[in-house]
Amino acid sequence: MKQLTYRILLNREPEGGYTVNVPSLPGCITYGETIDEAISMAREAIEIYIESLVEHNEPIPDEANTLEYSLTLTASA
């Protein structure tokens, strides 16, 4: 079985908890009350998403060759 790698982005919500987005899988968004729960929910959401792609004979995206950088900029108001 092929190992797949996905980047997940956790955003802290003002009312509490974390929304998780999987950029390589459009519409793959979930939520967890804690970071651990959010990561667990993301894993489950990704697995279900991949199962749907397989069932519909669609290609499965993979981020194994994706490089990620963060840039910090200063903006004047």
Protein backbone atom coordinates (compact mmCIF):
# COMPACT_ATOMS: atom_id res chain seq x y z
CA MET A 1 0.00 0.00 0.00
CA LYS A 2 1.32 3.46 -0.95
CA GLN A 3 2.07 5.91 1.85
CA LEU A 4 0.41 9.30 1.31
CA THR A 5 1.43 12.60 2.89
CA TYR A 6 -0.92 15.53 3.51
CA ARG A 7 -0.39 18.91 5.08
CA ILE A 8 -3.13 19.99 7.47
CA LEU A 9 -3.77 23.53 8.68
CA LEU A 10 -5.29 24.06 12.12
CA ASN A 11 -6.99 27.37 12.81
CA ARG A 12 -7.89 28.24 16.38
CA GLU A 13 -11.52 29.37 16.53
CA PRO A 14 -12.61 32.33 18.71
CA GLU A 15 -15.34 30.23 20.37
CA GLY A 16 -12.85 27.42 21.05
CA GLY A 17 -11.55 24.40 19.24
CA TYR A 18 -9.77 24.10 15.91
CA THR A 19 -10.95 23.99 12.33
CA VAL A 20 -8.75 21.80 10.14
CA ASN A 21 -8.27 22.28 6.40
CA VAL A 22 -6.48 19.88 4.04
CA PRO A 23 -5.31 22.12 1.18
CA SER A 24 -4.63 19.31 -1.30
CA LEU A 25 -8.12 17.86 -0.86
CA PRO A 26 -10.68 20.54 -1.79
CA GLY A 27 -13.57 20.63 0.67
CA CYS A 28 -11.81 18.37 3.19
CA ILE A 29 -12.47 20.37 6.35
CA THR A 30 -13.15 19.14 9.88
CA TYR A 31 -13.11 20.35 13.48
CA GLY A 32 -11.86 19.25 16.89
CA GLU A 33 -12.16 20.66 20.41
CA THR A 34 -8.44 20.08 21.09
CA ILE A 35 -5.38 19.86 18.85
CA ASP A 36 -5.21 16.09 19.34
CA GLU A 37 -8.89 15.69 18.50
CA ALA A 38 -8.54 17.97 15.47
CA ILE A 39 -5.64 15.88 14.14
CA SER A 40 -7.57 12.66 14.74
CA MET A 41 -10.62 14.08 12.95
CA ALA A 42 -8.40 15.20 10.06
CA ARG A 43 -6.99 11.68 9.69
CA GLU A 44 -10.52 10.26 9.56
CA ALA A 45 -11.70 12.93 7.08
CA ILE A 46 -8.71 12.25 4.80
CA GLU A 47 -9.33 8.49 4.88
CA ILE A 48 -13.00 8.97 3.93
CA TYR A 49 -12.06 11.45 1.20
CA ILE A 50 -9.52 8.99 -0.29
CA GLU A 51 -12.06 6.15 -0.14
CA SER A 52 -14.48 8.29 -2.16
CA LEU A 53 -11.79 9.09 -4.74
CA VAL A 54 -11.00 5.38 -5.13
CA GLU A 55 -14.69 4.45 -5.47
CA HIS A 56 -15.08 7.03 -8.25
CA ASN A 57 -11.82 6.06 -10.01
CA GLU A 58 -10.44 9.57 -9.50
CA PRO A 59 -6.74 10.35 -9.03
CA ILE A 60 -5.47 10.58 -5.46
CA PRO A 61 -3.47 13.75 -4.77
CA ASP A 62 -0.29 13.44 -2.72
CA GLU A 63 1.94 16.11 -1.19
CA ALA A 64 5.07 13.95 -0.95
CA ASN A 65 6.95 16.23 -3.35
CA THR A 66 5.53 19.50 -2.02
CA LEU A 67 7.87 21.96 -0.35
CA GLU A 68 6.44 24.42 2.14
CA TYR A 69 7.83 27.74 3.25
CA SER A 70 6.48 30.47 5.50
CA LEU A 71 7.20 34.11 4.79
CA THR A 72 6.88 36.88 7.36
CA LEU A 73 6.16 40.34 6.03
CA THR A 74 5.66 43.69 7.69
CA ALA A 75 2.73 45.69 6.37
CA SER A 76 2.33 49.37 7.03
CA ALA A 77 -1.18 50.51 7.83
